[in-house]
Amino acid sequence: MIISLRRLAGWAKFLTLFLILTLILYHLTALISQWIHSAPPYSEPKGRAIKVFAPLESAGASSETLEIGERVKLFYWLGE
């Protein structure tokens, strides 16, 4: 079996370029994923913004707070 050095060098070059381009694509995908990732939903708002969500109180739920079923209906009705 005769192994050509030119053929071996060509395969080595192809494999090296393939690995380098794969790593570049992986890092670009990770960078775009971090850029697109939204802010944590449970963190405190910044500036003059206020948090709208108020959890139901266990003992004395006031009449102003919505029950879970009503909140789900409102969520789907508004389409958010």
PDB file of N, CA and C in Angstrom:
ATOM      1  N   MET A   1       0.845  -1.175   0.000  1.00  0.00           N
ATOM      2  CA  MET A   1       0.000   0.000   0.000  1.00  0.00           C
ATOM      3  C   MET A   1       0.894   1.243   0.000  1.00  0.00           C
ATOM      4  N   ILE A   2       0.680   2.071  -0.977  1.00  0.00           N
ATOM      5  CA  ILE A   2       1.488   3.280  -1.113  1.00  0.00           C
ATOM      6  C   ILE A   2       0.652   4.468  -0.622  1.00  0.00           C
ATOM      7  N   ILE A   3       1.225   5.215   0.308  1.00  0.00           N
ATOM      8  CA  ILE A   3       0.546   6.395   0.852  1.00  0.00           C
ATOM      9  C   ILE A   3       1.236   7.628   0.289  1.00  0.00           C
ATOM     10  N   SER A   4       0.489   8.423  -0.434  1.00  0.00           N
ATOM     11  CA  SER A   4       1.030   9.635  -1.027  1.00  0.00           C
ATOM     12  C   SER A   4       1.082  10.730   0.033  1.00  0.00           C
ATOM     13  N   LEU A   5       2.218  11.383   0.130  1.00  0.00           N
ATOM     14  CA  LEU A   5       2.357  12.461   1.109  1.00  0.00           C
ATOM     15  C   LEU A   5       1.493  13.667   0.740  1.00  0.00           C
ATOM     16  N   ARG A   6       1.325  13.911  -0.552  1.00  0.00           N
ATOM     17  CA  ARG A   6       0.469  15.024  -0.974  1.00  0.00           C
ATOM     18  C   ARG A   6      -0.981  14.758  -0.580  1.00  0.00           C
ATOM     19  N   ARG A   7      -1.410  13.525  -0.773  1.00  0.00           N
ATOM     20  CA  ARG A   7      -2.783  13.174  -0.408  1.00  0.00           C
ATOM     21  C   ARG A   7      -2.970  13.267   1.110  1.00  0.00           C
ATOM     22  N   LEU A   8      -1.992  12.785   1.869  1.00  0.00           N
ATOM     23  CA  LEU A   8      -2.050  12.858   3.327  1.00  0.00           C
ATOM     24  C   LEU A   8      -2.042  14.315   3.797  1.00  0.00           C
ATOM     25  N   ALA A   9      -1.221  15.155   3.162  1.00  0.00           N
ATOM     26  CA  ALA A   9      -1.181  16.577   3.517  1.00  0.00           C
ATOM     27  C   ALA A   9      -2.506  17.256   3.177  1.00  0.00           C
ATOM     28  N   GLY A  10      -3.110  16.864   2.070  1.00  0.00           N
ATOM     29  CA  GLY A  10      -4.415  17.432   1.702  1.00  0.00           C
ATOM     30  C   GLY A  10      -5.494  17.079   2.718  1.00  0.00           C
ATOM     31  N   TRP A  11      -5.505  15.818   3.154  1.00  0.00           N
ATOM     32  CA  TRP A  11      -6.485  15.412   4.173  1.00  0.00           C
ATOM     33  C   TRP A  11      -6.234  16.117   5.507  1.00  0.00           C
ATOM     34  N   ALA A  12      -4.959  16.264   5.880  1.00  0.00           N
ATOM     35  CA  ALA A  12      -4.627  16.956   7.129  1.00  0.00           C
ATOM     36  C   ALA A  12      -5.063  18.418   7.064  1.00  0.00           C
ATOM     37  N   LYS A  13      -4.847  19.038   5.923  1.00  0.00           N
ATOM     38  CA  LYS A  13      -5.264  20.437   5.731  1.00  0.00           C
ATOM     39  C   LYS A  13      -6.785  20.558   5.809  1.00  0.00           C
ATOM     40  N   PHE A  14      -7.489  19.639   5.146  1.00  0.00           N
ATOM     41  CA  PHE A  14      -8.950  19.644   5.176  1.00  0.00           C
ATOM     42  C   PHE A  14      -9.468  19.451   6.597  1.00  0.00           C
ATOM     43  N   LEU A  15      -8.906  18.480   7.319  1.00  0.00           N
ATOM     44  CA  LEU A  15      -9.354  18.204   8.682  1.00  0.00           C
ATOM     45  C   LEU A  15      -9.080  19.389   9.608  1.00  0.00           C
ATOM     46  N   THR A  16      -7.913  20.020   9.452  1.00  0.00           N
ATOM     47  CA  THR A  16      -7.577  21.188  10.273  1.00  0.00           C
ATOM     48  C   THR A  16      -8.537  22.344  10.001  1.00  0.00           C
ATOM     49  N   LEU A  17      -8.791  22.634   8.738  1.00  0.00           N
ATOM     50  CA  LEU A  17      -9.726  23.714   8.401  1.00  0.00           C
ATOM     51  C   LEU A  17     -11.137  23.398   8.894  1.00  0.00           C
ATOM     52  N   PHE A  18     -11.538  22.144   8.761  1.00  0.00           N
ATOM     53  CA  PHE A  18     -12.860  21.743   9.220  1.00  0.00           C
ATOM     54  C   PHE A  18     -13.000  21.957  10.725  1.00  0.00           C
ATOM     55  N   LEU A  19     -11.999  21.541  11.494  1.00  0.00           N
ATOM     56  CA  LEU A  19     -12.052  21.714  12.946  1.00  0.00           C
ATOM     57  C   LEU A  19     -12.044  23.193  13.343  1.00  0.00           C
ATOM     58  N   ILE A  20     -11.225  23.988  12.688  1.00  0.00           N
ATOM     59  CA  ILE A  20     -11.156  25.421  13.003  1.00  0.00           C
ATOM     60  C   ILE A  20     -12.485  26.104  12.691  1.00  0.00           C
ATOM     61  N   LEU A  21     -13.045  25.827  11.521  1.00  0.00           N
ATOM     62  CA  LEU A  21     -14.325  26.447  11.158  1.00  0.00           C
ATOM     63  C   LEU A  21     -15.462  25.961  12.053  1.00  0.00           C
ATOM     64  N   THR A  22     -15.406  24.705  12.477  1.00  0.00           N
ATOM     65  CA  THR A  22     -16.419  24.192  13.397  1.00  0.00           C
ATOM     66  C   THR A  22     -16.348  24.918  14.735  1.00  0.00           C
ATOM     67  N   LEU A  23     -15.139  25.119  15.251  1.00  0.00           N
ATOM     68  CA  LEU A  23     -14.985  25.841  16.517  1.00  0.00           C
ATOM     69  C   LEU A  23     -15.439  27.296  16.393  1.00  0.00           C
ATOM     70  N   ILE A  24     -15.113  27.934  15.277  1.00  0.00           N
ATOM     71  CA  ILE A  24     -15.558  29.319  15.063  1.00  0.00           C
ATOM     72  C   ILE A  24     -17.078  29.389  15.021  1.00  0.00           C
ATOM     73  N   LEU A  25     -17.704  28.470  14.309  1.00  0.00           N
ATOM     74  CA  LEU A  25     -19.165  28.447  14.236  1.00  0.00           C
ATOM     75  C   LEU A  25     -19.783  28.188  15.607  1.00  0.00           C
ATOM     76  N   TYR A  26     -19.176  27.298  16.387  1.00  0.00           N
ATOM     77  CA  TYR A  26     -19.672  27.013  17.739  1.00  0.00           C
ATOM     78  C   TYR A  26     -19.613  28.259  18.613  1.00  0.00           C
ATOM     79  N   HIS A  27     -18.497  28.962  18.584  1.00  0.00           N
ATOM     80  CA  HIS A  27     -18.356  30.160  19.417  1.00  0.00           C
ATOM     81  C   HIS A  27     -19.278  31.286  18.937  1.00  0.00           C
ATOM     82  N   LEU A  28     -19.477  31.415  17.644  1.00  0.00           N
ATOM     83  CA  LEU A  28     -20.422  32.415  17.138  1.00  0.00           C
ATOM     84  C   LEU A  28     -21.848  32.094  17.585  1.00  0.00           C
ATOM     85  N   THR A  29     -22.202  30.825  17.534  1.00  0.00           N
ATOM     86  CA  THR A  29     -23.534  30.418  17.986  1.00  0.00           C
ATOM     87  C   THR A  29     -23.707  30.692  19.475  1.00  0.00           C
ATOM     88  N   ALA A  30     -22.691  30.408  20.278  1.00  0.00           N
ATOM     89  CA  ALA A  30     -22.761  30.677  21.714  1.00  0.00           C
ATOM     90  C   ALA A  30     -22.867  32.177  21.981  1.00  0.00           C
ATOM     91  N   LEU A  31     -22.138  32.981  21.220  1.00  0.00           N
ATOM     92  CA  LEU A  31     -22.185  34.435  21.389  1.00  0.00           C
ATOM     93  C   LEU A  31     -23.565  34.983  21.036  1.00  0.00           C
ATOM     94  N   ILE A  32     -24.130  34.520  19.936  1.00  0.00           N
ATOM     95  CA  ILE A  32     -25.470  34.959  19.534  1.00  0.00           C
ATOM     96  C   ILE A  32     -26.508  34.496  20.545  1.00  0.00           C
ATOM     97  N   SER A  33     -26.334  33.305  21.085  1.00  0.00           N
ATOM     98  CA  SER A  33     -27.267  32.786  22.085  1.00  0.00           C
ATOM     99  C   SER A  33     -27.248  33.655  23.342  1.00  0.00           C
ATOM    100  N   GLN A  34     -26.074  34.076  23.784  1.00  0.00           N
ATOM    101  CA  GLN A  34     -25.983  34.957  24.948  1.00  0.00           C
ATOM    102  C   GLN A  34     -26.582  36.325  24.648  1.00  0.00           C
ATOM    103  N   TRP A  35     -26.410  36.814  23.436  1.00  0.00           N
ATOM    104  CA  TRP A  35     -26.929  38.126  23.062  1.00  0.00           C
ATOM    105  C   TRP A  35     -28.451  38.104  23.014  1.00  0.00           C
ATOM    106  N   ILE A  36     -29.025  37.007  22.503  1.00  0.00           N
ATOM    107  CA  ILE A  36     -30.475  36.901  22.370  1.00  0.00           C
ATOM    108  C   ILE A  36     -31.146  36.586  23.700  1.00  0.00           C
ATOM    109  N   HIS A  37     -30.447  35.910  24.590  1.00  0.00           N
ATOM    110  CA  HIS A  37     -31.040  35.466  25.851  1.00  0.00           C
ATOM    111  C   HIS A  37     -31.636  36.655  26.602  1.00  0.00           C
ATOM    112  N   SER A  38     -32.872  36.501  27.028  1.00  0.00           N
ATOM    113  CA  SER A  38     -33.564  37.599  27.701  1.00  0.00           C
ATOM    114  C   SER A  38     -33.087  37.743  29.142  1.00  0.00           C
ATOM    115  N   ALA A  39     -33.486  38.835  29.750  1.00  0.00           N
ATOM    116  CA  ALA A  39     -33.130  39.099  31.135  1.00  0.00           C
ATOM    117  C   ALA A  39     -33.828  38.093  32.044  1.00  0.00           C
ATOM    118  N   PRO A  40     -33.258  37.816  33.201  1.00  0.00           N
ATOM    119  CA  PRO A  40     -33.906  36.885  34.121  1.00  0.00           C
ATOM    120  C   PRO A  40     -35.292  37.393  34.523  1.00  0.00           C
ATOM    121  N   PRO A  41     -36.320  36.565  34.429  1.00  0.00           N
ATOM    122  CA  PRO A  41     -37.678  37.044  34.674  1.00  0.00           C
ATOM    123  C   PRO A  41     -37.976  37.346  36.138  1.00  0.00           C
ATOM    124  N   TYR A  42     -37.182  36.844  37.063  1.00  0.00           N
ATOM    125  CA  TYR A  42     -37.495  37.024  38.476  1.00  0.00           C
ATOM    126  C   TYR A  42     -36.624  38.068  39.152  1.00  0.00           C
ATOM    127  N   SER A  43     -35.814  38.780  38.390  1.00  0.00           N
ATOM    128  CA  SER A  43     -34.968  39.800  38.995  1.00  0.00           C
ATOM    129  C   SER A  43     -35.764  41.085  39.221  1.00  0.00           C
ATOM    130  N   GLU A  44     -35.247  41.921  40.086  1.00  0.00           N
ATOM    131  CA  GLU A  44     -35.893  43.195  40.380  1.00  0.00           C
ATOM    132  C   GLU A  44     -35.758  44.124  39.178  1.00  0.00           C
ATOM    133  N   PRO A  45     -36.816  44.857  38.837  1.00  0.00           N
ATOM    134  CA  PRO A  45     -36.723  45.789  37.716  1.00  0.00           C
ATOM    135  C   PRO A  45     -35.811  46.964  38.052  1.00  0.00           C
ATOM    136  N   LYS A  46     -35.251  47.571  37.008  1.00  0.00           N
ATOM    137  CA  LYS A  46     -34.338  48.697  37.198  1.00  0.00           C
ATOM    138  C   LYS A  46     -35.065  50.004  36.900  1.00  0.00           C
ATOM    139  N   GLY A  47     -34.568  51.080  37.469  1.00  0.00           N
ATOM    140  CA  GLY A  47     -35.143  52.395  37.198  1.00  0.00           C
ATOM    141  C   GLY A  47     -36.462  52.603  37.921  1.00  0.00           C
ATOM    142  N   ARG A  48     -37.417  53.251  37.240  1.00  0.00           N
ATOM    143  CA  ARG A  48     -38.703  53.552  37.858  1.00  0.00           C
ATOM    144  C   ARG A  48     -39.723  52.447  37.652  1.00  0.00           C
ATOM    145  N   ALA A  49     -39.323  51.359  37.023  1.00  0.00           N
ATOM    146  CA  ALA A  49     -40.251  50.254  36.760  1.00  0.00           C
ATOM    147  C   ALA A  49     -40.615  49.549  38.063  1.00  0.00           C
ATOM    148  N   ILE A  50     -41.806  49.006  38.089  1.00  0.00           N
ATOM    149  CA  ILE A  50     -42.249  48.252  39.257  1.00  0.00           C
ATOM    150  C   ILE A  50     -42.641  46.852  38.819  1.00  0.00           C
ATOM    151  N   LYS A  51     -42.607  45.937  39.765  1.00  0.00           N
ATOM    152  CA  LYS A  51     -43.026  44.574  39.484  1.00  0.00           C
ATOM    153  C   LYS A  51     -44.531  44.505  39.590  1.00  0.00           C
ATOM    154  N   VAL A  52     -45.186  43.939  38.587  1.00  0.00           N
ATOM    155  CA  VAL A  52     -46.642  43.891  38.555  1.00  0.00           C
ATOM    156  C   VAL A  52     -47.170  42.635  39.218  1.00  0.00           C
ATOM    157  N   PHE A  53     -46.449  41.553  39.123  1.00  0.00           N
ATOM    158  CA  PHE A  53     -46.911  40.278  39.650  1.00  0.00           C
ATOM    159  C   PHE A  53     -46.952  40.323  41.170  1.00  0.00           C
ATOM    160  N   ALA A  54     -48.083  39.966  41.745  1.00  0.00           N
ATOM    161  CA  ALA A  54     -48.221  39.878  43.193  1.00  0.00           C
ATOM    162  C   ALA A  54     -48.723  38.479  43.526  1.00  0.00           C
ATOM    163  N   PRO A  55     -47.937  37.667  44.232  1.00  0.00           N
ATOM    164  CA  PRO A  55     -48.390  36.313  44.555  1.00  0.00           C
ATOM    165  C   PRO A  55     -49.589  36.337  45.497  1.00  0.00           C
ATOM    166  N   LEU A  56     -50.387  35.305  45.404  1.00  0.00           N
ATOM    167  CA  LEU A  56     -51.558  35.211  46.274  1.00  0.00           C
ATOM    168  C   LEU A  56     -51.118  35.002  47.711  1.00  0.00           C
ATOM    169  N   GLU A  57     -51.788  35.683  48.614  1.00  0.00           N
ATOM    170  CA  GLU A  57     -51.485  35.502  50.029  1.00  0.00           C
ATOM    171  C   GLU A  57     -52.177  34.237  50.501  1.00  0.00           C
ATOM    172  N   SER A  58     -51.494  33.476  51.338  1.00  0.00           N
ATOM    173  CA  SER A  58     -52.038  32.175  51.730  1.00  0.00           C
ATOM    174  C   SER A  58     -53.256  32.310  52.644  1.00  0.00           C
ATOM    175  N   ALA A  59     -53.211  33.164  53.636  1.00  0.00           N
ATOM    176  CA  ALA A  59     -54.311  33.233  54.600  1.00  0.00           C
ATOM    177  C   ALA A  59     -55.406  34.192  54.143  1.00  0.00           C
ATOM    178  N   GLY A  60     -55.057  35.423  53.906  1.00  0.00           N
ATOM    179  CA  GLY A  60     -56.073  36.419  53.600  1.00  0.00           C
ATOM    180  C   GLY A  60     -55.936  36.964  52.204  1.00  0.00           C
ATOM    181  N   ALA A  61     -56.354  36.226  51.225  1.00  0.00           N
ATOM    182  CA  ALA A  61     -56.293  36.710  49.845  1.00  0.00           C
ATOM    183  C   ALA A  61     -57.356  37.780  49.656  1.00  0.00           C
ATOM    184  N   SER A  62     -56.933  38.941  49.231  1.00  0.00           N
ATOM    185  CA  SER A  62     -57.886  40.028  49.056  1.00  0.00           C
ATOM    186  C   SER A  62     -58.715  39.797  47.799  1.00  0.00           C
ATOM    187  N   SER A  63     -59.805  40.541  47.685  1.00  0.00           N
ATOM    188  CA  SER A  63     -60.690  40.374  46.534  1.00  0.00           C
ATOM    189  C   SER A  63     -60.063  40.932  45.254  1.00  0.00           C
ATOM    190  N   GLU A  64     -59.036  41.774  45.391  1.00  0.00           N
ATOM    191  CA  GLU A  64     -58.402  42.362  44.218  1.00  0.00           C
ATOM    192  C   GLU A  64     -57.483  41.376  43.501  1.00  0.00           C
ATOM    193  N   THR A  65     -56.925  40.424  44.231  1.00  0.00           N
ATOM    194  CA  THR A  65     -56.038  39.458  43.585  1.00  0.00           C
ATOM    195  C   THR A  65     -56.865  38.413  42.853  1.00  0.00           C
ATOM    196  N   LEU A  66     -56.380  37.991  41.710  1.00  0.00           N
ATOM    197  CA  LEU A  66     -57.098  37.031  40.886  1.00  0.00           C
ATOM    198  C   LEU A  66     -56.720  35.608  41.271  1.00  0.00           C
ATOM    199  N   GLU A  67     -57.655  34.714  41.132  1.00  0.00           N
ATOM    200  CA  GLU A  67     -57.366  33.305  41.340  1.00  0.00           C
ATOM    201  C   GLU A  67     -56.536  32.795  40.163  1.00  0.00           C
ATOM    202  N   ILE A  68     -55.941  31.634  40.340  1.00  0.00           N
ATOM    203  CA  ILE A  68     -55.067  31.083  39.306  1.00  0.00           C
ATOM    204  C   ILE A  68     -55.825  30.877  37.994  1.00  0.00           C
ATOM    205  N   GLY A  69     -57.012  30.295  38.056  1.00  0.00           N
ATOM    206  CA  GLY A  69     -57.797  30.057  36.842  1.00  0.00           C
ATOM    207  C   GLY A  69     -58.136  31.344  36.117  1.00  0.00           C
ATOM    208  N   GLU A  70     -58.513  32.374  36.872  1.00  0.00           N
ATOM    209  CA  GLU A  70     -58.843  33.667  36.267  1.00  0.00           C
ATOM    210  C   GLU A  70     -57.607  34.300  35.633  1.00  0.00           C
ATOM    211  N   ARG A  71     -56.455  34.117  36.278  1.00  0.00           N
ATOM    212  CA  ARG A  71     -55.225  34.678  35.733  1.00  0.00           C
ATOM    213  C   ARG A  71     -54.838  33.987  34.431  1.00  0.00           C
ATOM    214  N   VAL A  72     -55.050  32.663  34.361  1.00  0.00           N
ATOM    215  CA  VAL A  72     -54.745  31.935  33.129  1.00  0.00           C
ATOM    216  C   VAL A  72     -55.683  32.374  32.013  1.00  0.00           C
ATOM    217  N   LYS A  73     -56.974  32.536  32.330  1.00  0.00           N
ATOM    218  CA  LYS A  73     -57.936  33.003  31.326  1.00  0.00           C
ATOM    219  C   LYS A  73     -57.543  34.390  30.817  1.00  0.00           C
ATOM    220  N   LEU A  74     -57.159  35.272  31.734  1.00  0.00           N
ATOM    221  CA  LEU A  74     -56.736  36.619  31.353  1.00  0.00           C
ATOM    222  C   LEU A  74     -55.479  36.564  30.481  1.00  0.00           C
ATOM    223  N   PHE A  75     -54.561  35.676  30.824  1.00  0.00           N
ATOM    224  CA  PHE A  75     -53.328  35.517  30.051  1.00  0.00           C
ATOM    225  C   PHE A  75     -53.638  35.120  28.613  1.00  0.00           C
ATOM    226  N   TYR A  76     -54.501  34.122  28.434  1.00  0.00           N
ATOM    227  CA  TYR A  76     -54.837  33.675  27.079  1.00  0.00           C
ATOM    228  C   TYR A  76     -55.732  34.679  26.350  1.00  0.00           C
ATOM    229  N   TRP A  77     -56.580  35.379  27.084  1.00  0.00           N
ATOM    230  CA  TRP A  77     -57.463  36.362  26.462  1.00  0.00           C
ATOM    231  C   TRP A  77     -56.649  37.520  25.889  1.00  0.00           C
ATOM    232  N   LEU A  78     -55.650  37.982  26.654  1.00  0.00           N
ATOM    233  CA  LEU A  78     -54.821  39.093  26.194  1.00  0.00           C
ATOM    234  C   LEU A  78     -53.792  38.650  25.161  1.00  0.00           C
ATOM    235  N   GLY A  79     -53.503  37.364  25.112  1.00  0.00           N
ATOM    236  CA  GLY A  79     -52.561  36.843  24.128  1.00  0.00           C
ATOM    237  C   GLY A  79     -51.119  37.172  24.430  1.00  0.00           C
ATOM    238  N   GLU A  80     -50.772  37.281  25.677  1.00  0.00           N
ATOM    239  CA  GLU A  80     -49.389  37.595  26.047  1.00  0.00           C
ATOM    240  C   GLU A  80     -48.671  36.355  26.496  1.00  0.00           C
TER     241      GLU A  80
END
